[in-house]
PDB file of N, CA and C in Angstrom:
ATOM      1  N   MET A   1       0.796  -1.058   0.095  1.00  0.00           N
ATOM      2  CA  MET A   1       0.055   0.200   0.139  1.00  0.00           C
ATOM      3  C   MET A   1       0.835   1.265  -0.068  1.00  0.00           C
ATOM      4  N   THR A   2       0.595   2.163  -0.914  1.00  0.00           N
ATOM      5  CA  THR A   2       1.208   3.367  -0.746  1.00  0.00           C
ATOM      6  C   THR A   2       0.634   4.340   0.103  1.00  0.00           C
ATOM      7  N   ALA A   3       1.429   5.430   0.423  1.00  0.00           N
ATOM      8  CA  ALA A   3       1.129   6.597   1.407  1.00  0.00           C
ATOM      9  C   ALA A   3      -0.066   7.103   1.006  1.00  0.00           C
ATOM     10  N   PRO A   4      -0.469   7.715  -0.269  1.00  0.00           N
ATOM     11  CA  PRO A   4      -1.572   8.190  -0.574  1.00  0.00           C
ATOM     12  C   PRO A   4      -2.951   7.247  -0.525  1.00  0.00           C
ATOM     13  N   MET A   5      -2.776   5.893  -0.670  1.00  0.00           N
ATOM     14  CA  MET A   5      -3.754   5.031  -0.479  1.00  0.00           C
ATOM     15  C   MET A   5      -4.287   4.991   1.223  1.00  0.00           C
ATOM     16  N   ILE A   6      -3.088   5.080   1.755  1.00  0.00           N
ATOM     17  CA  ILE A   6      -3.288   4.963   3.394  1.00  0.00           C
ATOM     18  C   ILE A   6      -3.987   6.023   3.807  1.00  0.00           C
ATOM     19  N   ALA A   7      -3.332   7.389   3.266  1.00  0.00           N
ATOM     20  CA  ALA A   7      -4.105   8.747   3.594  1.00  0.00           C
ATOM     21  C   ALA A   7      -5.683   8.794   3.253  1.00  0.00           C
ATOM     22  N   SER A   8      -5.801   8.084   2.092  1.00  0.00           N
ATOM     23  CA  SER A   8      -7.293   8.244   1.580  1.00  0.00           C
ATOM     24  C   SER A   8      -8.078   7.397   2.351  1.00  0.00           C
ATOM     25  N   TRP A   9      -7.521   6.134   3.105  1.00  0.00           N
ATOM     26  CA  TRP A   9      -8.326   5.369   3.998  1.00  0.00           C
ATOM     27  C   TRP A   9      -8.508   5.846   5.224  1.00  0.00           C
ATOM     28  N   ILE A  10      -7.762   6.648   5.680  1.00  0.00           N
ATOM     29  CA  ILE A  10      -8.001   7.510   6.946  1.00  0.00           C
ATOM     30  C   ILE A  10      -8.611   8.745   6.806  1.00  0.00           C
ATOM     31  N   LEU A  11      -8.358   9.311   5.685  1.00  0.00           N
ATOM     32  CA  LEU A  11      -9.231  10.854   5.494  1.00  0.00           C
ATOM     33  C   LEU A  11     -10.626  10.459   5.153  1.00  0.00           C
ATOM     34  N   GLY A  12     -11.060   9.623   4.444  1.00  0.00           N
ATOM     35  CA  GLY A  12     -12.315   9.130   3.682  1.00  0.00           C
ATOM     36  C   GLY A  12     -13.463   9.312   5.076  1.00  0.00           C
ATOM     37  N   PRO A  13     -13.030   8.108   5.952  1.00  0.00           N
ATOM     38  CA  PRO A  13     -13.987   8.079   6.990  1.00  0.00           C
ATOM     39  C   PRO A  13     -13.868   9.204   8.020  1.00  0.00           C
ATOM     40  N   LEU A  14     -12.656   9.860   8.230  1.00  0.00           N
ATOM     41  CA  LEU A  14     -12.802  10.998   9.106  1.00  0.00           C
ATOM     42  C   LEU A  14     -13.380  12.157   8.334  1.00  0.00           C
ATOM     43  N   LEU A  15     -13.337  12.518   7.279  1.00  0.00           N
ATOM     44  CA  LEU A  15     -14.102  13.503   6.641  1.00  0.00           C
ATOM     45  C   LEU A  15     -15.676  13.346   6.596  1.00  0.00           C
ATOM     46  N   GLY A  16     -15.911  11.999   6.520  1.00  0.00           N
ATOM     47  CA  GLY A  16     -17.499  11.700   6.686  1.00  0.00           C
ATOM     48  C   GLY A  16     -17.933  11.876   7.942  1.00  0.00           C
ATOM     49  N   LEU A  17     -17.213  11.444   8.888  1.00  0.00           N
ATOM     50  CA  LEU A  17     -17.805  11.903  10.363  1.00  0.00           C
ATOM     51  C   LEU A  17     -17.872  13.254  10.813  1.00  0.00           C
ATOM     52  N   ILE A  18     -16.926  14.040  10.366  1.00  0.00           N
ATOM     53  CA  ILE A  18     -16.940  15.477  10.576  1.00  0.00           C
ATOM     54  C   ILE A  18     -18.309  15.903   9.724  1.00  0.00           C
ATOM     55  N   THR A  19     -18.583  15.537   8.711  1.00  0.00           N
ATOM     56  CA  THR A  19     -19.704  16.078   7.806  1.00  0.00           C
ATOM     57  C   THR A  19     -20.898  15.629   8.766  1.00  0.00           C
ATOM     58  N   LEU A  20     -21.050  14.408   9.063  1.00  0.00           N
ATOM     59  CA  LEU A  20     -22.215  13.934   9.713  1.00  0.00           C
ATOM     60  C   LEU A  20     -22.311  14.649  10.877  1.00  0.00           C
ATOM     61  N   LEU A  21     -21.217  14.834  11.940  1.00  0.00           N
ATOM     62  CA  LEU A  21     -21.417  15.828  12.990  1.00  0.00           C
ATOM     63  C   LEU A  21     -21.965  17.196  12.738  1.00  0.00           C
ATOM     64  N   PHE A  22     -21.545  17.967  11.470  1.00  0.00           N
ATOM     65  CA  PHE A  22     -22.143  18.978  11.262  1.00  0.00           C
ATOM     66  C   PHE A  22     -23.542  18.967  10.796  1.00  0.00           C
ATOM     67  N   ILE A  23     -23.982  17.883  10.130  1.00  0.00           N
ATOM     68  CA  ILE A  23     -25.144  17.821   9.659  1.00  0.00           C
ATOM     69  C   ILE A  23     -26.224  17.360  11.005  1.00  0.00           C
ATOM     70  N   PHE A  24     -25.657  16.672  12.021  1.00  0.00           N
ATOM     71  CA  PHE A  24     -26.296  16.695  13.357  1.00  0.00           C
ATOM     72  C   PHE A  24     -26.335  18.128  14.177  1.00  0.00           C
ATOM     73  N   ARG A  25     -25.315  18.771  13.917  1.00  0.00           N
ATOM     74  CA  ARG A  25     -25.239  20.281  14.580  1.00  0.00           C
ATOM     75  C   ARG A  25     -26.512  21.220  13.919  1.00  0.00           C
ATOM     76  N   ILE A  26     -26.713  20.955  12.636  1.00  0.00           N
ATOM     77  CA  ILE A  26     -27.590  21.600  11.782  1.00  0.00           C
ATOM     78  C   ILE A  26     -29.065  21.229  12.595  1.00  0.00           C
ATOM     79  N   VAL A  27     -29.260  19.976  12.572  1.00  0.00           N
ATOM     80  CA  VAL A  27     -30.485  19.496  13.387  1.00  0.00           C
ATOM     81  C   VAL A  27     -30.751  19.978  14.593  1.00  0.00           C
ATOM     82  N   LEU A  28     -29.707  20.125  15.430  1.00  0.00           N
ATOM     83  CA  LEU A  28     -29.798  20.583  16.610  1.00  0.00           C
ATOM     84  C   LEU A  28     -30.267  22.243  16.674  1.00  0.00           C
ATOM     85  N   THR A  29     -29.796  22.866  15.679  1.00  0.00           N
ATOM     86  CA  THR A  29     -30.129  24.234  15.497  1.00  0.00           C
ATOM     87  C   THR A  29     -31.853  24.465  15.598  1.00  0.00           C
ATOM     88  N   TRP A  30     -32.477  23.294  15.093  1.00  0.00           N
ATOM     89  CA  TRP A  30     -33.752  23.461  15.111  1.00  0.00           C
ATOM     90  C   TRP A  30     -34.365  23.400  16.403  1.00  0.00           C
ATOM     91  N   TYR A  31     -33.860  22.784  17.302  1.00  0.00           N
ATOM     92  CA  TYR A  31     -34.128  22.752  18.894  1.00  0.00           C
ATOM     93  C   TYR A  31     -33.415  23.511  19.610  1.00  0.00           C
ATOM     94  N   PRO A  32     -33.746  24.882  19.887  1.00  0.00           N
ATOM     95  CA  PRO A  32     -32.911  25.596  20.833  1.00  0.00           C
ATOM     96  C   PRO A  32     -33.040  25.321  22.190  1.00  0.00           C
ATOM     97  N   GLN A  33     -33.938  24.544  22.792  1.00  0.00           N
ATOM     98  CA  GLN A  33     -34.070  24.094  24.011  1.00  0.00           C
ATOM     99  C   GLN A  33     -33.099  23.024  24.312  1.00  0.00           C
ATOM    100  N   ALA A  34     -32.442  22.382  23.454  1.00  0.00           N
ATOM    101  CA  ALA A  34     -31.441  21.208  23.739  1.00  0.00           C
ATOM    102  C   ALA A  34     -30.157  22.021  24.302  1.00  0.00           C
ATOM    103  N   ASP A  35     -29.813  21.408  25.509  1.00  0.00           N
ATOM    104  CA  ASP A  35     -28.582  21.873  26.341  1.00  0.00           C
ATOM    105  C   ASP A  35     -27.459  21.010  25.753  1.00  0.00           C
ATOM    106  N   LEU A  36     -26.624  22.089  25.099  1.00  0.00           N
ATOM    107  CA  LEU A  36     -25.393  21.375  24.531  1.00  0.00           C
ATOM    108  C   LEU A  36     -24.376  20.957  25.340  1.00  0.00           C
ATOM    109  N   ASN A  37     -24.680  21.332  26.611  1.00  0.00           N
ATOM    110  CA  ASN A  37     -23.519  20.873  27.646  1.00  0.00           C
ATOM    111  C   ASN A  37     -23.904  19.721  28.331  1.00  0.00           C
ATOM    112  N   LYS A  38     -24.977  18.929  28.016  1.00  0.00           N
ATOM    113  CA  LYS A  38     -25.290  17.629  28.536  1.00  0.00           C
ATOM    114  C   LYS A  38     -25.310  16.623  27.326  1.00  0.00           C
ATOM    115  N   LEU A  39     -25.067  15.272  28.052  1.00  0.00           N
ATOM    116  CA  LEU A  39     -24.998  14.254  26.993  1.00  0.00           C
ATOM    117  C   LEU A  39     -26.518  14.171  26.535  1.00  0.00           C
ATOM    118  N   PRO A  40     -26.700  13.520  25.162  1.00  0.00           N
ATOM    119  CA  PRO A  40     -25.764  13.095  24.129  1.00  0.00           C
ATOM    120  C   PRO A  40     -25.456  14.353  23.442  1.00  0.00           C
ATOM    121  N   PHE A  41     -25.894  15.464  23.482  1.00  0.00           N
ATOM    122  CA  PHE A  41     -25.587  16.679  22.663  1.00  0.00           C
ATOM    123  C   PHE A  41     -24.503  17.274  22.709  1.00  0.00           C
ATOM    124  N   ASN A  42     -23.636  17.062  23.917  1.00  0.00           N
ATOM    125  CA  ASN A  42     -22.234  17.655  23.908  1.00  0.00           C
ATOM    126  C   ASN A  42     -21.200  16.891  23.046  1.00  0.00           C
ATOM    127  N   LEU A  43     -21.627  15.671  22.745  1.00  0.00           N
ATOM    128  CA  LEU A  43     -20.761  14.891  21.906  1.00  0.00           C
ATOM    129  C   LEU A  43     -20.796  15.441  20.559  1.00  0.00           C
ATOM    130  N   ILE A  44     -21.815  16.244  19.990  1.00  0.00           N
ATOM    131  CA  ILE A  44     -21.996  16.682  18.880  1.00  0.00           C
ATOM    132  C   ILE A  44     -21.188  18.227  18.894  1.00  0.00           C
ATOM    133  N   ALA A  45     -21.565  18.862  19.965  1.00  0.00           N
ATOM    134  CA  ALA A  45     -21.231  20.156  20.093  1.00  0.00           C
ATOM    135  C   ALA A  45     -19.972  20.396  20.334  1.00  0.00           C
ATOM    136  N   TRP A  46     -19.067  19.613  21.243  1.00  0.00           N
ATOM    137  CA  TRP A  46     -17.807  19.967  21.531  1.00  0.00           C
ATOM    138  C   TRP A  46     -16.713  19.806  20.312  1.00  0.00           C
ATOM    139  N   PRO A  47     -16.906  18.756  19.434  1.00  0.00           N
ATOM    140  CA  PRO A  47     -16.049  18.695  18.485  1.00  0.00           C
ATOM    141  C   PRO A  47     -16.296  19.659  17.241  1.00  0.00           C
ATOM    142  N   THR A  48     -17.608  20.266  17.246  1.00  0.00           N
ATOM    143  CA  THR A  48     -18.012  21.102  16.074  1.00  0.00           C
ATOM    144  C   THR A  48     -17.726  22.727  16.428  1.00  0.00           C
ATOM    145  N   GLU A  49     -17.835  22.964  17.902  1.00  0.00           N
ATOM    146  CA  GLU A  49     -17.844  24.452  18.279  1.00  0.00           C
ATOM    147  C   GLU A  49     -16.614  25.305  17.767  1.00  0.00           C
ATOM    148  N   PRO A  50     -15.408  24.512  17.727  1.00  0.00           N
ATOM    149  CA  PRO A  50     -14.213  25.335  17.430  1.00  0.00           C
ATOM    150  C   PRO A  50     -14.140  25.748  15.836  1.00  0.00           C
ATOM    151  N   PHE A  51     -14.842  25.082  15.189  1.00  0.00           N
ATOM    152  CA  PHE A  51     -15.018  25.389  13.853  1.00  0.00           C
ATOM    153  C   PHE A  51     -15.788  26.549  13.457  1.00  0.00           C
ATOM    154  N   LEU A  52     -17.021  26.156  14.410  1.00  0.00           N
ATOM    155  CA  LEU A  52     -18.000  27.330  13.896  1.00  0.00           C
ATOM    156  C   LEU A  52     -17.885  28.811  14.445  1.00  0.00           C
ATOM    157  N   ILE A  53     -17.131  28.856  15.602  1.00  0.00           N
ATOM    158  CA  ILE A  53     -16.759  30.136  16.278  1.00  0.00           C
ATOM    159  C   ILE A  53     -16.289  31.298  15.208  1.00  0.00           C
ATOM    160  N   PRO A  54     -15.210  30.796  14.572  1.00  0.00           N
ATOM    161  CA  PRO A  54     -14.856  31.833  13.708  1.00  0.00           C
ATOM    162  C   PRO A  54     -15.695  32.340  12.623  1.00  0.00           C
ATOM    163  N   VAL A  55     -16.460  31.448  12.156  1.00  0.00           N
ATOM    164  CA  VAL A  55     -17.434  31.508  11.069  1.00  0.00           C
ATOM    165  C   VAL A  55     -18.373  32.324  11.469  1.00  0.00           C
ATOM    166  N   ARG A  56     -19.077  32.239  12.860  1.00  0.00           N
ATOM    167  CA  ARG A  56     -19.901  33.103  13.364  1.00  0.00           C
ATOM    168  C   ARG A  56     -19.443  34.518  13.414  1.00  0.00           C
ATOM    169  N   LYS A  57     -18.249  34.797  13.566  1.00  0.00           N
ATOM    170  CA  LYS A  57     -17.775  36.144  13.662  1.00  0.00           C
ATOM    171  C   LYS A  57     -17.814  36.756  12.295  1.00  0.00           C
ATOM    172  N   ILE A  58     -17.471  36.063  11.305  1.00  0.00           N
ATOM    173  CA  ILE A  58     -17.526  36.603   9.846  1.00  0.00           C
ATOM    174  C   ILE A  58     -19.313  36.735   9.581  1.00  0.00           C
ATOM    175  N   ILE A  59     -19.968  35.727   9.626  1.00  0.00           N
ATOM    176  CA  ILE A  59     -21.286  35.627   9.423  1.00  0.00           C
ATOM    177  C   ILE A  59     -22.103  35.428  10.617  1.00  0.00           C
ATOM    178  N   PRO A  60     -22.662  36.331  11.199  1.00  0.00           N
ATOM    179  CA  PRO A  60     -23.548  36.150  12.412  1.00  0.00           C
ATOM    180  C   PRO A  60     -24.730  35.510  12.285  1.00  0.00           C
ATOM    181  N   PRO A  61     -25.502  34.805  13.055  1.00  0.00           N
ATOM    182  CA  PRO A  61     -26.952  34.308  12.769  1.00  0.00           C
ATOM    183  C   PRO A  61     -27.847  35.246  12.222  1.00  0.00           C
ATOM    184  N   ILE A  62     -28.427  34.967  11.110  1.00  0.00           N
ATOM    185  CA  ILE A  62     -29.424  35.812  10.578  1.00  0.00           C
ATOM    186  C   ILE A  62     -30.901  35.517  10.955  1.00  0.00           C
ATOM    187  N   GLY A  63     -31.502  36.199  11.404  1.00  0.00           N
ATOM    188  CA  GLY A  63     -32.898  36.200  12.061  1.00  0.00           C
ATOM    189  C   GLY A  63     -32.908  35.203  12.838  1.00  0.00           C
ATOM    190  N   GLY A  64     -31.826  34.844  13.820  1.00  0.00           N
ATOM    191  CA  GLY A  64     -31.854  33.764  14.739  1.00  0.00           C
ATOM    192  C   GLY A  64     -31.358  32.347  14.165  1.00  0.00           C
ATOM    193  N   ILE A  65     -31.038  32.266  12.761  1.00  0.00           N
ATOM    194  CA  ILE A  65     -30.653  31.088  12.323  1.00  0.00           C
ATOM    195  C   ILE A  65     -29.192  31.020  12.078  1.00  0.00           C
ATOM    196  N   ASP A  66     -28.615  29.999  12.555  1.00  0.00           N
ATOM    197  CA  ASP A  66     -27.347  29.935  12.581  1.00  0.00           C
ATOM    198  C   ASP A  66     -26.940  28.930  11.250  1.00  0.00           C
ATOM    199  N   ILE A  67     -26.303  29.799  10.302  1.00  0.00           N
ATOM    200  CA  ILE A  67     -25.828  29.168   9.068  1.00  0.00           C
ATOM    201  C   ILE A  67     -24.468  28.727   9.123  1.00  0.00           C
ATOM    202  N   SER A  68     -23.570  28.832  10.143  1.00  0.00           N
ATOM    203  CA  SER A  68     -22.258  28.307  10.108  1.00  0.00           C
ATOM    204  C   SER A  68     -22.055  26.824   9.984  1.00  0.00           C
ATOM    205  N   PRO A  69     -23.031  25.974  10.284  1.00  0.00           N
ATOM    206  CA  PRO A  69     -22.618  24.482  10.189  1.00  0.00           C
ATOM    207  C   PRO A  69     -22.875  24.179   8.924  1.00  0.00           C
ATOM    208  N   ILE A  70     -23.871  24.976   8.091  1.00  0.00           N
ATOM    209  CA  ILE A  70     -24.181  24.614   6.671  1.00  0.00           C
ATOM    210  C   ILE A  70     -22.936  24.971   5.794  1.00  0.00           C
ATOM    211  N   ILE A  71     -22.363  26.160   6.097  1.00  0.00           N
ATOM    212  CA  ILE A  71     -21.149  26.534   5.434  1.00  0.00           C
ATOM    213  C   ILE A  71     -19.770  25.516   5.585  1.00  0.00           C
ATOM    214  N   TRP A  72     -19.670  24.806   6.904  1.00  0.00           N
ATOM    215  CA  TRP A  72     -18.949  23.761   7.085  1.00  0.00           C
ATOM    216  C   TRP A  72     -19.130  22.533   6.532  1.00  0.00           C
ATOM    217  N   VAL A  73     -20.342  22.183   6.201  1.00  0.00           N
ATOM    218  CA  VAL A  73     -20.699  20.915   5.178  1.00  0.00           C
ATOM    219  C   VAL A  73     -20.236  21.303   4.020  1.00  0.00           C
ATOM    220  N   GLY A  74     -20.516  22.431   3.678  1.00  0.00           N
ATOM    221  CA  GLY A  74     -20.050  22.700   2.065  1.00  0.00           C
ATOM    222  C   GLY A  74     -18.460  22.607   1.978  1.00  0.00           C
ATOM    223  N   ILE A  75     -17.998  23.032   2.798  1.00  0.00           N
ATOM    224  CA  ILE A  75     -16.297  23.280   3.053  1.00  0.00           C
ATOM    225  C   ILE A  75     -15.861  21.717   3.274  1.00  0.00           C
ATOM    226  N   VAL A  76     -16.289  20.924   4.228  1.00  0.00           N
ATOM    227  CA  VAL A  76     -15.752  19.581   4.533  1.00  0.00           C
ATOM    228  C   VAL A  76     -16.105  18.636   3.136  1.00  0.00           C
ATOM    229  N   SER A  77     -17.260  18.971   2.599  1.00  0.00           N
ATOM    230  CA  SER A  77     -17.555  18.041   1.264  1.00  0.00           C
ATOM    231  C   SER A  77     -16.663  18.558   0.072  1.00  0.00           C
ATOM    232  N   LEU A  78     -16.347  19.751   0.077  1.00  0.00           N
ATOM    233  CA  LEU A  78     -15.641  20.097  -1.154  1.00  0.00           C
ATOM    234  C   LEU A  78     -14.312  19.731  -1.006  1.00  0.00           C
ATOM    235  N   LEU A  79     -13.714  19.634   0.290  1.00  0.00           N
ATOM    236  CA  LEU A  79     -12.352  19.074   0.824  1.00  0.00           C
ATOM    237  C   LEU A  79     -12.294  17.678   0.473  1.00  0.00           C
ATOM    238  N   ARG A  80     -13.023  16.886   0.729  1.00  0.00           N
ATOM    239  CA  ARG A  80     -13.476  15.671   0.664  1.00  0.00           C
ATOM    240  C   ARG A  80     -13.324  15.115  -1.118  1.00  0.00           C
ATOM    241  N   GLU A  81     -14.124  16.069  -1.702  1.00  0.00           N
ATOM    242  CA  GLU A  81     -14.030  15.904  -3.153  1.00  0.00           C
ATOM    243  C   GLU A  81     -12.621  16.226  -3.708  1.00  0.00           C
ATOM    244  N   PHE A  82     -12.010  16.954  -3.423  1.00  0.00           N
ATOM    245  CA  PHE A  82     -10.656  17.561  -3.678  1.00  0.00           C
ATOM    246  C   PHE A  82      -9.758  16.442  -3.428  1.00  0.00           C
ATOM    247  N   LEU A  83      -9.856  15.877  -2.375  1.00  0.00           N
ATOM    248  CA  LEU A  83      -8.671  15.020  -1.842  1.00  0.00           C
ATOM    249  C   LEU A  83      -8.832  13.637  -2.311  1.00  0.00           C
ATOM    250  N   ILE A  84     -10.211  12.913  -2.031  1.00  0.00           N
ATOM    251  CA  ILE A  84     -10.304  11.692  -2.079  1.00  0.00           C
ATOM    252  C   ILE A  84     -11.634  11.235  -3.166  1.00  0.00           C
ATOM    253  N   GLY A  85     -12.015  12.161  -3.920  1.00  0.00           N
ATOM    254  CA  GLY A  85     -12.985  12.037  -4.838  1.00  0.00           C
ATOM    255  C   GLY A  85     -12.434  11.236  -6.096  1.00  0.00           C
ATOM    256  N   GLN A  86     -13.480  10.847  -7.001  1.00  0.00           N
ATOM    257  CA  GLN A  86     -13.035  10.266  -8.225  1.00  0.00           C
ATOM    258  C   GLN A  86     -11.870  10.827  -8.957  1.00  0.00           C
ATOM    259  N   GLN A  87     -11.657  12.053  -9.007  1.00  0.00           N
ATOM    260  CA  GLN A  87     -10.526  12.817  -9.663  1.00  0.00           C
ATOM    261  C   GLN A  87      -9.852  13.533  -8.583  1.00  0.00           C
ATOM    262  N   GLY A  88      -9.886  13.101  -7.281  1.00  0.00           N
ATOM    263  CA  GLY A  88      -9.061  13.777  -6.270  1.00  0.00           C
ATOM    264  C   GLY A  88      -7.742  13.612  -6.426  1.00  0.00           C
ATOM    265  N   LEU A  89      -6.931  14.511  -5.475  1.00  0.00           N
ATOM    266  CA  LEU A  89      -5.430  14.741  -5.452  1.00  0.00           C
ATOM    267  C   LEU A  89      -4.758  13.161  -5.193  1.00  0.00           C
ATOM    268  N   LEU A  90      -5.376  12.671  -3.890  1.00  0.00           N
ATOM    269  CA  LEU A  90      -4.787  11.339  -3.550  1.00  0.00           C
ATOM    270  C   LEU A  90      -5.017  10.210  -4.389  1.00  0.00           C
ATOM    271  N   ARG A  91      -6.190  10.405  -5.385  1.00  0.00           N
ATOM    272  CA  ARG A  91      -6.383   9.272  -6.263  1.00  0.00           C
ATOM    273  C   ARG A  91      -5.438   9.434  -7.417  1.00  0.00           C
ATOM    274  N   MET A  92      -5.024  10.834  -7.797  1.00  0.00           N
ATOM    275  CA  MET A  92      -4.362  10.868  -8.885  1.00  0.00           C
ATOM    276  C   MET A  92      -2.902  10.467  -8.694  1.00  0.00           C
ATOM    277  N   ILE A  93      -2.442  10.989  -7.352  1.00  0.00           N
ATOM    278  CA  ILE A  93      -0.956  10.409  -7.031  1.00  0.00           C
ATOM    279  C   ILE A  93      -0.795   8.838  -6.837  1.00  0.00           C
ATOM    280  N   SER A  94      -2.027   8.324  -6.371  1.00  0.00           N
ATOM    281  CA  SER A  94      -1.735   6.632  -6.373  1.00  0.00           C
ATOM    282  C   SER A  94      -2.051   5.914  -7.646  1.00  0.00           C
TER     283      SER A  94
END
């Protein structure tokens, strides 16, 4: 196995998990009464919050709707496609 293949085996599930966490975070924005500091919600909030804070400084919530998780789903999906998609960099190298 080459290094690009190993990297794609690691990055694929990792980027998929990050995307899934951000999708769960989008669903949690629909329930403002959910306490993000208690289980099981903190398992979703703690890994995603460091990514969302800088985006919220640039694009604040609009009308009470936080769009920063949606932006991160797009960024992570684009990164995944660039790296391990059908014509991604890691596929082209290996």
